């Protein structure tokens, strides 16, 4: 039976998809076995000139590997 752990990450992007992809991609660079994600919160930042940037809080889950130490 697999055991999973979850971590929360925040990321920004010009679109929601870009912000979510950024968080999941970054998690995959340092974690093995990333299996799912859940968007916990979506926020928006409005820059000067009206440009919109999305900020997301993403919970990423990954499998914990069993390792036997001698």
N, C-alpha and C. Protein backbone atom coordinates (compact mmCIF):
# COMPACT_ATOMS: atom_id res chain seq x y z
N UNK A 1 0.84 -1.17 0.00
CA UNK A 1 0.00 0.00 0.00
C UNK A 1 0.89 1.24 0.00
N UNK A 2 0.62 2.17 -0.90
CA UNK A 2 1.43 3.37 -1.03
C UNK A 2 1.01 4.43 -0.01
N UNK A 3 1.99 5.17 0.43
CA UNK A 3 1.75 6.30 1.31
C UNK A 3 2.16 7.55 0.55
N UNK A 4 1.33 8.58 0.61
CA UNK A 4 1.64 9.82 -0.08
C UNK A 4 1.80 10.96 0.92
N UNK A 5 2.56 11.95 0.49
CA UNK A 5 2.75 13.17 1.26
C UNK A 5 2.34 14.32 0.35
N UNK A 6 1.87 15.41 0.93
CA UNK A 6 1.48 16.58 0.16
C UNK A 6 2.24 17.80 0.65
N UNK A 7 2.57 18.67 -0.29
CA UNK A 7 3.18 19.96 0.05
C UNK A 7 2.40 21.06 -0.67
N UNK A 8 2.43 22.25 -0.11
CA UNK A 8 1.78 23.40 -0.72
C UNK A 8 2.83 24.28 -1.39
N UNK A 9 2.53 24.68 -2.63
CA UNK A 9 3.42 25.56 -3.38
C UNK A 9 2.60 26.73 -3.92
N UNK A 10 3.23 27.89 -4.05
CA UNK A 10 2.59 29.01 -4.73
C UNK A 10 3.39 29.30 -5.99
N UNK A 11 2.67 29.73 -7.02
CA UNK A 11 3.31 30.07 -8.28
C UNK A 11 2.48 31.14 -8.98
N UNK A 12 3.11 31.88 -9.87
CA UNK A 12 2.41 32.91 -10.63
C UNK A 12 2.57 32.66 -12.12
N UNK A 13 1.66 33.24 -12.88
CA UNK A 13 1.73 33.13 -14.33
C UNK A 13 0.76 34.08 -15.00
N UNK A 14 0.94 34.27 -16.29
CA UNK A 14 0.07 35.15 -17.06
C UNK A 14 -1.33 34.55 -17.22
N UNK A 15 -1.42 33.21 -17.13
CA UNK A 15 -2.70 32.51 -17.18
C UNK A 15 -2.77 31.54 -16.01
N UNK A 16 -3.98 31.07 -15.71
CA UNK A 16 -4.11 30.06 -14.65
C UNK A 16 -3.33 28.81 -14.99
N UNK A 17 -3.45 28.38 -16.24
CA UNK A 17 -2.74 27.18 -16.67
C UNK A 17 -1.23 27.33 -16.50
N UNK A 18 -0.71 28.47 -16.86
CA UNK A 18 0.73 28.71 -16.73
C UNK A 18 1.17 28.68 -15.26
N UNK A 19 0.37 29.27 -14.38
CA UNK A 19 0.71 29.28 -12.96
C UNK A 19 0.68 27.86 -12.38
N UNK A 20 -0.34 27.09 -12.72
CA UNK A 20 -0.46 25.71 -12.22
C UNK A 20 0.67 24.84 -12.78
N UNK A 21 0.92 24.95 -14.07
CA UNK A 21 2.00 24.17 -14.70
C UNK A 21 3.34 24.49 -14.06
N UNK A 22 3.55 25.75 -13.73
CA UNK A 22 4.81 26.17 -13.11
C UNK A 22 5.00 25.48 -11.76
N UNK A 23 3.96 25.46 -10.94
CA UNK A 23 4.06 24.82 -9.62
C UNK A 23 4.31 23.32 -9.75
N UNK A 24 3.55 22.66 -10.61
CA UNK A 24 3.69 21.20 -10.77
C UNK A 24 5.05 20.85 -11.37
N UNK A 25 5.49 21.63 -12.36
CA UNK A 25 6.80 21.38 -12.97
C UNK A 25 7.92 21.53 -11.94
N UNK A 26 7.84 22.60 -11.14
CA UNK A 26 8.89 22.84 -10.14
C UNK A 26 8.93 21.72 -9.11
N UNK A 27 7.77 21.23 -8.71
CA UNK A 27 7.72 20.11 -7.76
C UNK A 27 8.42 18.89 -8.35
N UNK A 28 8.17 18.65 -9.63
CA UNK A 28 8.76 17.49 -10.30
C UNK A 28 10.27 17.54 -10.42
N UNK A 29 10.86 18.73 -10.31
CA UNK A 29 12.32 18.84 -10.39
C UNK A 29 13.01 18.30 -9.15
N UNK A 30 12.33 18.35 -8.01
CA UNK A 30 12.97 17.92 -6.76
C UNK A 30 12.28 16.75 -6.07
N UNK A 31 11.10 16.39 -6.52
CA UNK A 31 10.35 15.29 -5.90
C UNK A 31 10.15 14.16 -6.90
N UNK A 32 10.28 12.94 -6.43
CA UNK A 32 9.99 11.78 -7.27
C UNK A 32 8.57 11.31 -6.99
N UNK A 33 7.91 10.81 -7.99
CA UNK A 33 6.59 10.20 -7.80
C UNK A 33 5.45 11.17 -7.63
N UNK A 34 5.55 12.38 -8.21
CA UNK A 34 4.43 13.32 -8.14
C UNK A 34 3.23 12.67 -8.82
N UNK A 35 2.10 12.59 -8.10
CA UNK A 35 0.96 11.85 -8.61
C UNK A 35 -0.29 12.69 -8.84
N UNK A 36 -0.44 13.80 -8.13
CA UNK A 36 -1.65 14.60 -8.30
C UNK A 36 -1.44 15.99 -7.75
N UNK A 37 -2.39 16.87 -8.06
CA UNK A 37 -2.36 18.21 -7.51
C UNK A 37 -3.80 18.69 -7.30
N UNK A 38 -3.93 19.67 -6.44
CA UNK A 38 -5.22 20.29 -6.17
C UNK A 38 -4.99 21.79 -6.03
N UNK A 39 -5.78 22.59 -6.73
CA UNK A 39 -5.66 24.03 -6.62
C UNK A 39 -6.46 24.46 -5.39
N UNK A 40 -5.75 24.97 -4.40
CA UNK A 40 -6.37 25.37 -3.13
C UNK A 40 -6.91 26.80 -3.19
N UNK A 41 -6.20 27.67 -3.89
CA UNK A 41 -6.61 29.08 -3.92
C UNK A 41 -6.13 29.73 -5.21
N UNK A 42 -6.93 30.63 -5.72
CA UNK A 42 -6.57 31.42 -6.90
C UNK A 42 -6.68 32.89 -6.50
N UNK A 43 -5.65 33.64 -6.77
CA UNK A 43 -5.64 35.08 -6.53
C UNK A 43 -5.19 35.77 -7.81
N UNK A 44 -5.42 37.05 -7.87
CA UNK A 44 -4.97 37.81 -9.02
C UNK A 44 -4.23 39.05 -8.58
N UNK A 45 -3.21 39.39 -9.34
CA UNK A 45 -2.45 40.61 -9.11
C UNK A 45 -2.68 41.52 -10.31
N UNK A 46 -2.94 42.78 -10.05
CA UNK A 46 -3.13 43.73 -11.14
C UNK A 46 -1.95 44.69 -11.13
N UNK A 47 -1.20 44.65 -12.21
CA UNK A 47 -0.01 45.49 -12.35
C UNK A 47 -0.43 46.86 -12.91
N UNK A 48 0.53 47.79 -12.90
CA UNK A 48 0.26 49.09 -13.53
C UNK A 48 -0.09 48.86 -14.99
N UNK A 49 -1.04 49.60 -15.48
CA UNK A 49 -1.47 49.43 -16.86
C UNK A 49 -2.55 48.38 -17.00
N UNK A 50 -2.95 47.74 -15.89
CA UNK A 50 -4.03 46.77 -15.93
C UNK A 50 -3.64 45.35 -16.28
N UNK A 51 -2.34 45.07 -16.42
CA UNK A 51 -1.91 43.70 -16.73
C UNK A 51 -2.21 42.78 -15.54
N UNK A 52 -2.79 41.64 -15.83
CA UNK A 52 -3.20 40.69 -14.79
C UNK A 52 -2.21 39.54 -14.70
N UNK A 53 -1.84 39.19 -13.48
CA UNK A 53 -1.03 38.01 -13.21
C UNK A 53 -1.79 37.15 -12.21
N UNK A 54 -1.83 35.84 -12.47
CA UNK A 54 -2.52 34.92 -11.58
C UNK A 54 -1.54 34.32 -10.58
N UNK A 55 -2.01 34.17 -9.35
CA UNK A 55 -1.21 33.54 -8.30
C UNK A 55 -2.04 32.39 -7.74
N UNK A 56 -1.46 31.19 -7.73
CA UNK A 56 -2.19 30.01 -7.26
C UNK A 56 -1.45 29.35 -6.10
N UNK A 57 -2.23 28.78 -5.21
CA UNK A 57 -1.71 27.91 -4.15
C UNK A 57 -2.10 26.50 -4.56
N UNK A 58 -1.11 25.66 -4.80
CA UNK A 58 -1.32 24.31 -5.32
C UNK A 58 -0.80 23.30 -4.31
N UNK A 59 -1.63 22.32 -3.96
CA UNK A 59 -1.19 21.22 -3.11
C UNK A 59 -0.79 20.07 -4.03
N UNK A 60 0.47 19.69 -3.96
CA UNK A 60 1.03 18.63 -4.80
C UNK A 60 1.27 17.39 -3.93
N UNK A 61 0.80 16.24 -4.42
CA UNK A 61 0.97 14.98 -3.69
C UNK A 61 1.98 14.10 -4.41
N UNK A 62 2.76 13.36 -3.60
CA UNK A 62 3.77 12.47 -4.18
C UNK A 62 3.91 11.25 -3.28
N UNK A 63 4.32 10.14 -3.90
CA UNK A 63 4.47 8.88 -3.17
C UNK A 63 5.74 8.89 -2.35
N UNK A 64 5.64 8.35 -1.16
CA UNK A 64 6.81 8.20 -0.29
C UNK A 64 7.36 6.79 -0.55
N UNK A 65 8.61 6.73 -0.93
CA UNK A 65 9.23 5.44 -1.21
C UNK A 65 9.63 4.76 0.09
N UNK A 66 9.43 3.46 0.13
CA UNK A 66 9.87 2.70 1.28
C UNK A 66 11.32 2.32 1.06
N UNK A 67 12.14 2.60 2.03
CA UNK A 67 13.56 2.26 1.94
C UNK A 67 13.96 1.57 3.22
N UNK A 68 14.66 0.50 3.07
CA UNK A 68 15.13 -0.26 4.24
C UNK A 68 16.59 0.09 4.46
N UNK A 69 16.88 0.57 5.67
CA UNK A 69 18.26 0.93 6.02
C UNK A 69 18.89 -0.22 6.78
N UNK A 70 20.11 -0.49 6.49
CA UNK A 70 20.82 -1.57 7.18
C UNK A 70 21.58 -1.04 8.34
